Amino acid sequence: MVKIARKLKQIKKTKYSLKTFFNVFFKKPNEVIGGIIQKLNFFDYLVFVAIILILLLLTHNRLERETRWIDVRLSIEKPDWWYKGNLPAYWYGQNLQVGDIAYDSFGSKVAEIESVDSFDLGDKGRKIYINMKVQADFNKSKDQYIYEFKPLVSGSSIVVNFSKTQVKGLVVALENQLPIKYHHKTITIQSRWLTPEITNAVNVGDKIFDAVGGTVAEVLSTESTVALGYEFSDIRAKNLPAYNPMYRHLIATVRVKAFSVSDLEYYIDETPLKLGQKIDLYFPNLVLKEAEIIALD
């Protein structure tokens, strides 16, 4: 009997507690809310308003943006475009392949390589361009793409982590500027004061290749002559032409891979194709540095 009485007492207490709970939170909500409001101070209201404004701003930004895929051409170099540092090392980018995919922390695809332009520029370095698709946020009000919280525009830096290589460089072209259209340009170059061993090593049919075997430059014709210079004559007191059999002058016609930007033509390493311009040609076993362009076709 004692145990039964105790259980009945506990049931009454539970019913009373539930009744109190419903009275406080359901039957008297105005009193509860009023009590909370009375305890709030100015700073509490300020925090509340700030939270509301932040939520509204985030919602507005989210509505102003949509996720899109965009074509991007990237030049691998120092991220600060005003500082030209060393070229990418010979080993950099050797693991990059067409079709490589980069993922975010959630495992979603954010970038995919479509093509890689890589070629020798001597001095233990290479010139590397990468064309890829990048998933970015498009800001409708600014008509601008955003990647990793940064504007995706020409000249901006970008970092993409693929499975074996971190790609870091500068954006040089976007969607409607792509793809870069290459063509072939025939130029005549002159390289002076070369040793016979070098001039003899330049032959018709010699080619420069990119990393995938594409032709960057090809020698169409060559002409080598004994170097002609000037020496001062004590007898005549003036400079007289004189041949130097130790050296040669080389004139060669070369077809090079080029592209056009704003009515100007450039060699693939960004050298302007103009009369008098110096150009460097890196053949597999030979380097012609600062050859002068003397004719354009």
C-alpha atoms as a PDB file:
ATOM      1  CA  MET A   1       0.000   0.000   0.000  1.00  0.00           C
ATOM      2  CA  VAL A   2       2.856   2.357   0.801  1.00  0.00           C
ATOM      3  CA  LYS A   3       4.442   1.795  -2.618  1.00  0.00           C
ATOM      4  CA  ILE A   4       1.150   2.471  -4.384  1.00  0.00           C
ATOM      5  CA  ALA A   5       0.682   5.712  -2.459  1.00  0.00           C
ATOM      6  CA  ARG A   6       4.180   6.865  -3.443  1.00  0.00           C
ATOM      7  CA  LYS A   7       3.510   6.194  -7.141  1.00  0.00           C
ATOM      8  CA  LEU A   8       0.238   8.106  -7.013  1.00  0.00           C
ATOM      9  CA  LYS A   9       2.062  11.040  -5.406  1.00  0.00           C
ATOM     10  CA  GLN A  10       4.723  11.025  -8.174  1.00  0.00           C
ATOM     11  CA  ILE A  11       2.002  10.972 -10.867  1.00  0.00           C
ATOM     12  CA  LYS A  12       0.334  14.009  -9.262  1.00  0.00           C
ATOM     13  CA  LYS A  13       3.677  15.874  -9.212  1.00  0.00           C
ATOM     14  CA  THR A  14       4.276  15.034 -12.906  1.00  0.00           C
ATOM     15  CA  LYS A  15       0.803  16.258 -13.870  1.00  0.00           C
ATOM     16  CA  TYR A  16       1.410  19.431 -11.907  1.00  0.00           C
ATOM     17  CA  SER A  17       4.770  20.022 -13.659  1.00  0.00           C
ATOM     18  CA  LEU A  18       3.251  19.498 -17.106  1.00  0.00           C
ATOM     19  CA  LYS A  19       0.383  21.819 -16.217  1.00  0.00           C
ATOM     20  CA  THR A  20       2.836  24.485 -15.099  1.00  0.00           C
ATOM     21  CA  PHE A  21       4.862  24.060 -18.330  1.00  0.00           C
ATOM     22  CA  PHE A  22       1.801  24.510 -20.551  1.00  0.00           C
ATOM     23  CA  ASN A  23       0.593  27.482 -18.541  1.00  0.00           C
ATOM     24  CA  VAL A  24       3.945  29.259 -18.899  1.00  0.00           C
ATOM     25  CA  PHE A  25       4.780  28.544 -22.524  1.00  0.00           C
ATOM     26  CA  PHE A  26       1.386  28.189 -24.140  1.00  0.00           C
ATOM     27  CA  LYS A  27      -1.277  29.909 -22.076  1.00  0.00           C
ATOM     28  CA  LYS A  28       0.848  32.926 -21.145  1.00  0.00           C
ATOM     29  CA  PRO A  29       3.208  33.563 -24.101  1.00  0.00           C
ATOM     30  CA  ASN A  30       2.794  37.332 -23.869  1.00  0.00           C
ATOM     31  CA  GLU A  31       4.104  37.330 -20.316  1.00  0.00           C
ATOM     32  CA  VAL A  32       7.124  35.185 -21.292  1.00  0.00           C
ATOM     33  CA  ILE A  33       7.999  37.292 -24.354  1.00  0.00           C
ATOM     34  CA  GLY A  34       7.450  40.485 -22.418  1.00  0.00           C
ATOM     35  CA  GLY A  35       9.828  39.269 -19.718  1.00  0.00           C
ATOM     36  CA  ILE A  36      12.524  38.480 -22.270  1.00  0.00           C
ATOM     37  CA  ILE A  37      12.145  41.866 -23.996  1.00  0.00           C
ATOM     38  CA  GLN A  38      12.418  43.695 -20.675  1.00  0.00           C
ATOM     39  CA  LYS A  39      15.797  42.042 -20.057  1.00  0.00           C
ATOM     40  CA  LEU A  40      17.229  43.103 -23.455  1.00  0.00           C
ATOM     41  CA  ASN A  41      19.487  46.168 -23.600  1.00  0.00           C
ATOM     42  CA  PHE A  42      20.640  48.422 -26.455  1.00  0.00           C
ATOM     43  CA  PHE A  43      23.574  46.212 -27.440  1.00  0.00           C
ATOM     44  CA  ASP A  44      21.325  43.147 -27.590  1.00  0.00           C
ATOM     45  CA  TYR A  45      19.093  44.963 -30.077  1.00  0.00           C
ATOM     46  CA  LEU A  46      22.173  46.061 -32.041  1.00  0.00           C
ATOM     47  CA  VAL A  47      23.420  42.470 -32.333  1.00  0.00           C
ATOM     48  CA  PHE A  48      19.982  41.301 -33.382  1.00  0.00           C
ATOM     49  CA  VAL A  49      19.750  43.953 -36.122  1.00  0.00           C
ATOM     50  CA  ALA A  50      23.289  43.116 -37.328  1.00  0.00           C
ATOM     51  CA  ILE A  51      22.413  39.434 -37.610  1.00  0.00           C
ATOM     52  CA  ILE A  52      19.307  40.250 -39.631  1.00  0.00           C
ATOM     53  CA  LEU A  53      21.282  42.542 -41.965  1.00  0.00           C
ATOM     54  CA  ILE A  54      23.988  39.897 -42.489  1.00  0.00           C
ATOM     55  CA  LEU A  55      21.382  37.260 -43.311  1.00  0.00           C
ATOM     56  CA  LEU A  56      19.697  39.617 -45.769  1.00  0.00           C
ATOM     57  CA  LEU A  57      23.066  40.453 -47.388  1.00  0.00           C
ATOM     58  CA  LEU A  58      24.022  36.792 -47.737  1.00  0.00           C
ATOM     59  CA  THR A  59      20.632  36.000 -49.222  1.00  0.00           C
ATOM     60  CA  HIS A  60      20.936  38.891 -51.688  1.00  0.00           C
ATOM     61  CA  ASN A  61      24.453  37.830 -52.753  1.00  0.00           C
ATOM     62  CA  ARG A  62      23.319  34.250 -53.200  1.00  0.00           C
ATOM     63  CA  LEU A  63      20.386  35.342 -55.360  1.00  0.00           C
ATOM     64  CA  GLU A  64      22.694  37.597 -57.415  1.00  0.00           C
ATOM     65  CA  ARG A  65      25.029  34.688 -58.229  1.00  0.00           C
ATOM     66  CA  GLU A  66      24.743  31.480 -60.146  1.00  0.00           C
ATOM     67  CA  THR A  67      27.262  28.736 -60.740  1.00  0.00           C
ATOM     68  CA  ARG A  68      28.630  28.512 -64.278  1.00  0.00           C
ATOM     69  CA  TRP A  69      31.464  26.834 -66.159  1.00  0.00           C
ATOM     70  CA  ILE A  70      33.869  29.201 -67.902  1.00  0.00           C
ATOM     71  CA  ASP A  71      36.837  28.668 -70.249  1.00  0.00           C
ATOM     72  CA  VAL A  72      40.081  30.130 -68.897  1.00  0.00           C
ATOM     73  CA  ARG A  73      43.589  30.394 -70.368  1.00  0.00           C
ATOM     74  CA  LEU A  74      46.289  30.509 -67.727  1.00  0.00           C
ATOM     75  CA  SER A  75      49.935  31.549 -68.041  1.00  0.00           C
ATOM     76  CA  ILE A  76      52.100  29.754 -65.496  1.00  0.00           C
ATOM     77  CA  GLU A  77      54.266  32.400 -63.818  1.00  0.00           C
ATOM     78  CA  LYS A  78      54.625  34.551 -60.738  1.00  0.00           C
ATOM     79  CA  PRO A  79      51.167  35.566 -59.439  1.00  0.00           C
ATOM     80  CA  ASP A  80      52.286  39.214 -59.230  1.00  0.00           C
ATOM     81  CA  TRP A  81      52.160  40.186 -62.911  1.00  0.00           C
ATOM     82  CA  TRP A  82      54.216  43.330 -62.405  1.00  0.00           C
ATOM     83  CA  TYR A  83      57.168  41.208 -61.224  1.00  0.00           C
ATOM     84  CA  LYS A  84      58.580  38.916 -63.900  1.00  0.00           C
ATOM     85  CA  GLY A  85      60.490  36.189 -62.107  1.00  0.00           C
ATOM     86  CA  ASN A  86      62.081  33.022 -63.424  1.00  0.00           C
ATOM     87  CA  LEU A  87      60.288  30.773 -65.871  1.00  0.00           C
ATOM     88  CA  PRO A  88      58.701  27.575 -64.567  1.00  0.00           C
ATOM     89  CA  ALA A  89      61.385  24.923 -64.067  1.00  0.00           C
ATOM     90  CA  TYR A  90      61.796  22.140 -66.616  1.00  0.00           C
ATOM     91  CA  TRP A  91      60.108  19.626 -64.293  1.00  0.00           C
ATOM     92  CA  TYR A  92      57.044  21.780 -63.593  1.00  0.00           C
ATOM     93  CA  GLY A  93      53.877  20.708 -65.310  1.00  0.00           C
ATOM     94  CA  GLN A  94      55.229  17.412 -66.611  1.00  0.00           C
ATOM     95  CA  ASN A  95      52.427  15.559 -64.815  1.00  0.00           C
ATOM     96  CA  LEU A  96      49.659  17.740 -66.254  1.00  0.00           C
ATOM     97  CA  GLN A  97      47.538  15.931 -68.819  1.00  0.00           C
ATOM     98  CA  VAL A  98      44.485  16.829 -70.859  1.00  0.00           C
ATOM     99  CA  GLY A  99      41.463  15.618 -68.908  1.00  0.00           C
ATOM    100  CA  ASP A 100      42.982  16.111 -65.432  1.00  0.00           C
ATOM    101  CA  ILE A 101      40.310  17.161 -62.943  1.00  0.00           C
ATOM    102  CA  ALA A 102      40.503  19.248 -59.761  1.00  0.00           C
ATOM    103  CA  TYR A 103      38.016  18.694 -56.932  1.00  0.00           C
ATOM    104  CA  ASP A 104      36.914  20.807 -53.987  1.00  0.00           C
ATOM    105  CA  SER A 105      36.797  19.607 -50.369  1.00  0.00           C
ATOM    106  CA  PHE A 106      33.346  18.084 -50.969  1.00  0.00           C
ATOM    107  CA  GLY A 107      34.541  15.974 -53.889  1.00  0.00           C
ATOM    108  CA  SER A 108      32.827  18.085 -56.564  1.00  0.00           C
ATOM    109  CA  LYS A 109      34.620  18.853 -59.837  1.00  0.00           C
ATOM    110  CA  VAL A 110      35.755  22.482 -60.043  1.00  0.00           C
ATOM    111  CA  ALA A 111      38.252  22.477 -62.953  1.00  0.00           C
ATOM    112  CA  GLU A 112      39.283  20.336 -65.926  1.00  0.00           C
ATOM    113  CA  ILE A 113      42.284  20.729 -68.260  1.00  0.00           C
ATOM    114  CA  GLU A 114      41.410  20.952 -71.955  1.00  0.00           C
ATOM    115  CA  SER A 115      44.865  21.602 -73.446  1.00  0.00           C
ATOM    116  CA  VAL A 116      48.456  22.357 -72.417  1.00  0.00           C
ATOM    117  CA  ASP A 117      50.922  24.477 -74.426  1.00  0.00           C
ATOM    118  CA  SER A 118      54.416  23.878 -73.098  1.00  0.00           C
ATOM    119  CA  PHE A 119      57.715  24.552 -74.865  1.00  0.00           C
ATOM    120  CA  ASP A 120      61.385  25.133 -74.151  1.00  0.00           C
ATOM    121  CA  LEU A 121      62.610  28.664 -73.494  1.00  0.00           C
ATOM    122  CA  GLY A 122      66.115  27.755 -72.367  1.00  0.00           C
ATOM    123  CA  ASP A 123      67.777  28.763 -69.100  1.00  0.00           C
ATOM    124  CA  LYS A 124      66.365  25.613 -67.466  1.00  0.00           C
ATOM    125  CA  GLY A 125      62.835  26.938 -67.907  1.00  0.00           C
ATOM    126  CA  ARG A 126      59.730  26.468 -69.989  1.00  0.00           C
ATOM    127  CA  LYS A 127      56.777  28.562 -71.108  1.00  0.00           C
ATOM    128  CA  ILE A 128      53.501  26.927 -70.118  1.00  0.00           C
ATOM    129  CA  TYR A 129      49.931  27.888 -70.978  1.00  0.00           C
ATOM    130  CA  ILE A 130      46.935  25.895 -69.781  1.00  0.00           C
ATOM    131  CA  ASN A 131      43.417  26.016 -71.196  1.00  0.00           C
ATOM    132  CA  MET A 132      40.843  24.703 -68.758  1.00  0.00           C
ATOM    133  CA  LYS A 133      37.218  24.840 -67.714  1.00  0.00           C
ATOM    134  CA  VAL A 134      36.625  26.333 -64.272  1.00  0.00           C
ATOM    135  CA  GLN A 135      33.459  26.287 -62.177  1.00  0.00           C
ATOM    136  CA  ALA A 136      32.879  29.816 -60.902  1.00  0.00           C
ATOM    137  CA  ASP A 137      30.131  31.999 -59.463  1.00  0.00           C
ATOM    138  CA  PHE A 138      28.682  34.533 -61.897  1.00  0.00           C
ATOM    139  CA  ASN A 139      27.674  37.851 -60.333  1.00  0.00           C
ATOM    140  CA  LYS A 140      24.737  39.121 -62.374  1.00  0.00           C
ATOM    141  CA  SER A 141      24.836  42.698 -61.125  1.00  0.00           C
ATOM    142  CA  LYS A 142      28.587  43.101 -61.854  1.00  0.00           C
ATOM    143  CA  ASP A 143      28.617  40.829 -64.928  1.00  0.00           C
ATOM    144  CA  GLN A 144      31.710  39.197 -63.423  1.00  0.00           C
ATOM    145  CA  TYR A 145      32.923  35.722 -62.516  1.00  0.00           C
ATOM    146  CA  ILE A 146      34.164  34.917 -59.015  1.00  0.00           C
ATOM    147  CA  TYR A 147      36.526  32.037 -58.233  1.00  0.00           C
ATOM    148  CA  GLU A 148      37.719  31.300 -54.686  1.00  0.00           C
ATOM    149  CA  PHE A 149      36.236  34.641 -53.538  1.00  0.00           C
ATOM    150  CA  LYS A 150      38.336  36.581 -56.123  1.00  0.00           C
ATOM    151  CA  PRO A 151      37.261  38.210 -59.404  1.00  0.00           C
ATOM    152  CA  LEU A 152      38.134  36.015 -62.386  1.00  0.00           C
ATOM    153  CA  VAL A 153      39.433  38.602 -64.866  1.00  0.00           C
ATOM    154  CA  SER A 154      42.419  39.022 -67.169  1.00  0.00           C
ATOM    155  CA  GLY A 155      45.500  39.631 -65.040  1.00  0.00           C
ATOM    156  CA  SER A 156      44.118  38.063 -61.863  1.00  0.00           C
ATOM    157  CA  SER A 157      45.984  35.228 -60.175  1.00  0.00           C
ATOM    158  CA  ILE A 158      44.487  31.795 -59.719  1.00  0.00           C
ATOM    159  CA  VAL A 159      45.511  28.598 -57.921  1.00  0.00           C
ATOM    160  CA  VAL A 160      44.064  25.185 -58.824  1.00  0.00           C
ATOM    161  CA  ASN A 161      45.145  21.952 -57.133  1.00  0.00           C
ATOM    162  CA  PHE A 162      45.132  18.916 -59.389  1.00  0.00           C
ATOM    163  CA  SER A 163      45.996  15.424 -58.190  1.00  0.00           C
ATOM    164  CA  LYS A 164      49.746  15.690 -58.861  1.00  0.00           C
ATOM    165  CA  THR A 165      50.445  19.369 -59.559  1.00  0.00           C
ATOM    166  CA  GLN A 166      49.422  22.734 -58.168  1.00  0.00           C
ATOM    167  CA  VAL A 167      48.690  25.118 -61.030  1.00  0.00           C
ATOM    168  CA  LYS A 168      49.476  28.709 -60.142  1.00  0.00           C
ATOM    169  CA  GLY A 169      49.548  31.579 -62.606  1.00  0.00           C
ATOM    170  CA  LEU A 170      47.767  34.486 -64.267  1.00  0.00           C
ATOM    171  CA  VAL A 171      44.577  34.621 -66.309  1.00  0.00           C
ATOM    172  CA  VAL A 172      45.416  35.842 -69.835  1.00  0.00           C
ATOM    173  CA  ALA A 173      42.111  35.133 -71.609  1.00  0.00           C
ATOM    174  CA  LEU A 174      38.482  34.260 -70.812  1.00  0.00           C
ATOM    175  CA  GLU A 175      35.573  32.611 -72.663  1.00  0.00           C
ATOM    176  CA  ASN A 176      34.895  34.887 -75.692  1.00  0.00           C
ATOM    177  CA  GLN A 177      38.659  35.443 -76.138  1.00  0.00           C
ATOM    178  CA  LEU A 178      39.162  31.699 -76.526  1.00  0.00           C
ATOM    179  CA  PRO A 179      40.326  29.557 -78.118  1.00  0.00           C
ATOM    180  CA  ILE A 180      43.585  31.230 -79.123  1.00  0.00           C
ATOM    181  CA  LYS A 181      43.860  30.886 -82.894  1.00  0.00           C
ATOM    182  CA  TYR A 182      47.376  30.050 -84.038  1.00  0.00           C
ATOM    183  CA  HIS A 183      48.738  30.464 -87.549  1.00  0.00           C
ATOM    184  CA  HIS A 184      52.122  30.178 -89.236  1.00  0.00           C
ATOM    185  CA  LYS A 185      54.265  33.173 -90.108  1.00  0.00           C
ATOM    186  CA  THR A 186      57.385  33.144 -92.285  1.00  0.00           C
ATOM    187  CA  ILE A 187      60.237  35.342 -91.093  1.00  0.00           C
ATOM    188  CA  THR A 188      63.840  35.874 -92.174  1.00  0.00           C
ATOM    189  CA  ILE A 189      66.390  36.184 -89.394  1.00  0.00           C
ATOM    190  CA  GLN A 190      70.010  37.237 -89.269  1.00  0.00           C
ATOM    191  CA  SER A 191      72.459  36.078 -86.629  1.00  0.00           C
ATOM    192  CA  ARG A 192      75.959  37.542 -86.753  1.00  0.00           C
ATOM    193  CA  TRP A 193      79.371  36.524 -85.475  1.00  0.00           C
ATOM    194  CA  LEU A 194      78.652  32.833 -85.003  1.00  0.00           C
ATOM    195  CA  THR A 195      81.272  30.113 -85.018  1.00  0.00           C
ATOM    196  CA  PRO A 196      81.287  27.772 -88.037  1.00  0.00           C
ATOM    197  CA  GLU A 197      80.207  24.907 -85.764  1.00  0.00           C
ATOM    198  CA  ILE A 198      76.946  26.701 -84.983  1.00  0.00           C
ATOM    199  CA  THR A 199      76.133  27.820 -88.535  1.00  0.00           C
ATOM    200  CA  ASN A 200      76.868  24.324 -89.855  1.00  0.00           C
ATOM    201  CA  ALA A 201      74.450  22.893 -87.287  1.00  0.00           C
ATOM    202  CA  VAL A 202      71.529  24.909 -88.679  1.00  0.00           C
ATOM    203  CA  ASN A 203      69.980  22.938 -91.530  1.00  0.00           C
ATOM    204  CA  VAL A 204      66.869  23.065 -93.675  1.00  0.00           C
ATOM    205  CA  GLY A 205      64.137  21.027 -92.007  1.00  0.00           C
ATOM    206  CA  ASP A 206      65.293  21.619 -88.424  1.00  0.00           C
ATOM    207  CA  LYS A 207      62.281  22.039 -86.132  1.00  0.00           C
ATOM    208  CA  ILE A 208      61.352  23.239 -82.683  1.00  0.00           C
ATOM    209  CA  PHE A 209      58.656  21.199 -80.932  1.00  0.00           C
ATOM    210  CA  ASP A 210      56.301  21.787 -78.038  1.00  0.00           C
ATOM    211  CA  ALA A 211      55.713  19.247 -75.249  1.00  0.00           C
ATOM    212  CA  VAL A 212      53.193  17.219 -77.278  1.00  0.00           C
ATOM    213  CA  GLY A 213      55.227  17.118 -80.485  1.00  0.00           C
ATOM    214  CA  GLY A 214      53.616  20.042 -82.295  1.00  0.00           C
ATOM    215  CA  THR A 215      55.879  22.152 -84.533  1.00  0.00           C
ATOM    216  CA  VAL A 216      56.692  25.583 -83.121  1.00  0.00           C
ATOM    217  CA  ALA A 217      59.283  26.615 -85.744  1.00  0.00           C
ATOM    218  CA  GLU A 218      60.850  25.094 -88.878  1.00  0.00           C
ATOM    219  CA  VAL A 219      63.902  26.179 -90.888  1.00  0.00           C
ATOM    220  CA  LEU A 220      63.030  26.626 -94.588  1.00  0.00           C
ATOM    221  CA  SER A 221      66.368  27.912 -95.928  1.00  0.00           C
ATOM    222  CA  THR A 222      69.821  28.942 -94.697  1.00  0.00           C
ATOM    223  CA  GLU A 223      72.733  30.990 -95.998  1.00  0.00           C
ATOM    224  CA  SER A 224      76.096  31.260 -94.268  1.00  0.00           C
ATOM    225  CA  THR A 225      78.806  33.800 -95.178  1.00  0.00           C
ATOM    226  CA  VAL A 226      82.185  34.693 -93.766  1.00  0.00           C
ATOM    227  CA  ALA A 227      81.805  37.381 -91.110  1.00  0.00           C
ATOM    228  CA  LEU A 228      82.422  40.855 -92.433  1.00  0.00           C
ATOM    229  CA  GLY A 229      83.350  43.609 -90.066  1.00  0.00           C
ATOM    230  CA  TYR A 230      85.430  46.746 -89.906  1.00  0.00           C
ATOM    231  CA  GLU A 231      88.979  47.364 -88.742  1.00  0.00           C
ATOM    232  CA  PHE A 232      90.730  50.662 -88.218  1.00  0.00           C
ATOM    233  CA  SER A 233      93.584  51.321 -90.652  1.00  0.00           C
ATOM    234  CA  ASP A 234      96.482  53.337 -89.246  1.00  0.00           C
ATOM    235  CA  ILE A 235      97.704  54.073 -92.766  1.00  0.00           C
ATOM    236  CA  ARG A 236      94.395  55.394 -94.064  1.00  0.00           C
ATOM    237  CA  ALA A 237      93.154  56.588 -90.682  1.00  0.00           C
ATOM    238  CA  LYS A 238      89.674  55.136 -91.121  1.00  0.00           C
ATOM    239  CA  ASN A 239      87.648  51.955 -90.676  1.00  0.00           C
ATOM    240  CA  LEU A 240      87.913  49.522 -93.560  1.00  0.00           C
ATOM    241  CA  PRO A 241      85.800  46.412 -94.233  1.00  0.00           C
ATOM    242  CA  ALA A 242      87.595  43.208 -93.266  1.00  0.00           C
ATOM    243  CA  TYR A 243      86.606  39.551 -93.336  1.00  0.00           C
ATOM    244  CA  ASN A 244      87.120  37.378 -90.288  1.00  0.00           C
ATOM    245  CA  PRO A 245      87.338  33.672 -91.241  1.00  0.00           C
ATOM    246  CA  MET A 246      86.911  32.672 -87.596  1.00  0.00           C
ATOM    247  CA  TYR A 247      83.236  33.668 -87.637  1.00  0.00           C
ATOM    248  CA  ARG A 248      80.160  33.439 -89.865  1.00  0.00           C
ATOM    249  CA  HIS A 249      77.005  35.431 -90.499  1.00  0.00           C
ATOM    250  CA  LEU A 250      73.825  33.356 -90.787  1.00  0.00           C
ATOM    251  CA  ILE A 251      70.662  34.281 -92.662  1.00  0.00           C
ATOM    252  CA  ALA A 252      67.763  31.832 -92.339  1.00  0.00           C
ATOM    253  CA  THR A 253      64.131  31.709 -93.359  1.00  0.00           C
ATOM    254  CA  VAL A 254      61.993  30.233 -90.597  1.00  0.00           C
ATOM    255  CA  ARG A 255      58.293  29.430 -90.396  1.00  0.00           C
ATOM    256  CA  VAL A 256      57.104  30.062 -86.837  1.00  0.00           C
ATOM    257  CA  LYS A 257      53.910  29.423 -84.903  1.00  0.00           C
ATOM    258  CA  ALA A 258      52.219  32.752 -84.138  1.00  0.00           C
ATOM    259  CA  PHE A 259      49.043  34.349 -82.827  1.00  0.00           C
ATOM    260  CA  SER A 260      47.442  37.763 -83.273  1.00  0.00           C
ATOM    261  CA  VAL A 261      46.306  40.233 -80.620  1.00  0.00           C
ATOM    262  CA  SER A 262      45.009  43.729 -81.481  1.00  0.00           C
ATOM    263  CA  ASP A 263      46.386  43.649 -85.038  1.00  0.00           C
ATOM    264  CA  LEU A 264      49.848  42.619 -83.819  1.00  0.00           C
ATOM    265  CA  GLU A 265      51.448  39.235 -84.421  1.00  0.00           C
ATOM    266  CA  TYR A 266      53.463  37.401 -81.806  1.00  0.00           C
ATOM    267  CA  TYR A 267      55.679  34.350 -81.768  1.00  0.00           C
ATOM    268  CA  ILE A 268      54.415  31.707 -79.378  1.00  0.00           C
ATOM    269  CA  ASP A 269      56.760  32.946 -76.632  1.00  0.00           C
ATOM    270  CA  GLU A 270      55.124  36.427 -76.914  1.00  0.00           C
ATOM    271  CA  THR A 271      57.946  37.992 -78.971  1.00  0.00           C
ATOM    272  CA  PRO A 272      56.453  40.635 -81.330  1.00  0.00           C
ATOM    273  CA  LEU A 273      57.037  39.755 -84.987  1.00  0.00           C
ATOM    274  CA  LYS A 274      58.404  43.075 -86.253  1.00  0.00           C
ATOM    275  CA  LEU A 275      61.355  44.132 -88.369  1.00  0.00           C
ATOM    276  CA  GLY A 276      64.401  44.692 -86.185  1.00  0.00           C
ATOM    277  CA  GLN A 277      62.943  42.690 -83.287  1.00  0.00           C
ATOM    278  CA  LYS A 278      65.257  40.193 -81.580  1.00  0.00           C
ATOM    279  CA  ILE A 279      63.962  36.636 -81.313  1.00  0.00           C
ATOM    280  CA  ASP A 280      65.281  33.551 -79.491  1.00  0.00           C
ATOM    281  CA  LEU A 281      64.963  30.135 -81.146  1.00  0.00           C
ATOM    282  CA  TYR A 282      65.543  27.046 -79.012  1.00  0.00           C
ATOM    283  CA  PHE A 283      66.118  24.027 -81.238  1.00  0.00           C
ATOM    284  CA  PRO A 284      66.544  20.593 -79.609  1.00  0.00           C
ATOM    285  CA  ASN A 285      70.354  20.747 -79.861  1.00  0.00           C
ATOM    286  CA  LEU A 286      70.963  24.388 -80.720  1.00  0.00           C
ATOM    287  CA  VAL A 287      70.154  27.870 -79.459  1.00  0.00           C
ATOM    288  CA  LEU A 288      70.002  30.995 -81.616  1.00  0.00           C
ATOM    289  CA  LYS A 289      69.707  33.897 -79.204  1.00  0.00           C
ATOM    290  CA  GLU A 290      68.798  37.434 -80.222  1.00  0.00           C
ATOM    291  CA  ALA A 291      68.547  36.716 -83.927  1.00  0.00           C
ATOM    292  CA  GLU A 292      67.342  39.843 -85.721  1.00  0.00           C
ATOM    293  CA  ILE A 293      64.198  39.742 -87.850  1.00  0.00           C
ATOM    294  CA  ILE A 294      65.116  41.312 -91.211  1.00  0.00           C
ATOM    295  CA  ALA A 295      62.085  40.307 -93.314  1.00  0.00           C
ATOM    296  CA  LEU A 296      58.457  39.256 -92.867  1.00  0.00           C
ATOM    297  CA  ASP A 297      56.234  37.390 -95.330  1.00  0.00           C
END
